[in-house]
Amino acid sequence: MSHPYVKFENTPLWNVISKGIDDLVENNDIEETTKREYIVVFLDNKVLYWRKFLFTRL
């Protein structure tokens, strides 16, 4: 099924975050109750915000 974030799939950041979520789920560290794409986009946005914030302060 399509979602509004298809154009962001398979970007390096998307892939790293999705793999990290895979690892956490596989290790039973988290239980995924929200669709993966929404979790990845949420975390992508957090990473991008903090990267921008930190690099504009240097």
Protein backbone atom coordinates (compact mmCIF):
# COMPACT_ATOMS: atom_id res chain seq x y z
CA MET A 1 0.00 0.00 0.00
CA SER A 2 1.22 3.48 -0.84
CA HIS A 3 1.99 6.15 1.71
CA PRO A 4 2.90 9.84 1.46
CA TYR A 5 6.62 9.19 2.02
CA VAL A 6 7.37 6.86 -0.92
CA LYS A 7 9.79 9.37 -2.45
CA PHE A 8 11.98 9.16 0.66
CA GLU A 9 12.24 5.37 0.72
CA ASN A 10 15.65 3.93 -0.06
CA THR A 11 17.53 7.08 0.83
CA PRO A 12 20.63 6.42 2.96
CA LEU A 13 19.06 7.94 6.09
CA TRP A 14 15.80 6.01 5.58
CA ASN A 15 17.70 2.75 5.18
CA VAL A 16 19.85 3.26 8.28
CA ILE A 17 16.88 4.14 10.47
CA SER A 18 14.74 1.31 9.12
CA LYS A 19 17.57 -1.18 9.72
CA GLY A 20 17.96 0.13 13.26
CA ILE A 21 14.26 -0.41 13.87
CA ASP A 22 14.59 -3.94 12.43
CA ASP A 23 17.38 -4.66 14.91
CA LEU A 24 15.40 -3.32 17.87
CA VAL A 25 12.30 -5.33 16.92
CA GLU A 26 14.32 -8.49 16.31
CA ASN A 27 15.99 -8.16 19.72
CA ASN A 28 12.59 -7.59 21.36
CA ASP A 29 13.75 -4.18 22.53
CA ILE A 30 10.68 -2.50 21.04
CA GLU A 31 7.29 -3.58 19.74
CA GLU A 32 6.32 -1.93 16.49
CA THR A 33 2.70 -0.80 16.75
CA THR A 34 2.80 2.05 14.23
CA LYS A 35 3.39 1.62 10.50
CA ARG A 36 7.11 1.51 9.78
CA GLU A 37 7.09 4.42 7.34
CA TYR A 38 5.65 6.78 9.96
CA ILE A 39 8.26 5.76 12.52
CA VAL A 40 11.08 6.22 10.01
CA VAL A 41 9.83 9.65 8.90
CA PHE A 42 9.46 10.77 12.51
CA LEU A 43 13.03 9.74 13.32
CA ASP A 44 14.36 11.14 10.03
CA ASN A 45 12.87 14.51 10.89
CA LYS A 46 14.43 14.43 14.36
CA VAL A 47 17.86 13.58 12.96
CA LEU A 48 17.67 16.24 10.25
CA TYR A 49 16.48 18.89 12.72
CA TRP A 50 19.29 18.21 15.17
CA ARG A 51 21.89 17.97 12.44
CA LYS A 52 20.82 21.36 11.12
CA PHE A 53 20.64 22.82 14.63
CA LEU A 54 24.06 21.56 15.65
CA PHE A 55 25.87 22.53 12.45
CA THR A 56 24.47 26.05 12.43
CA ARG A 57 25.89 26.53 15.94
CA LEU A 58 29.47 25.65 14.99
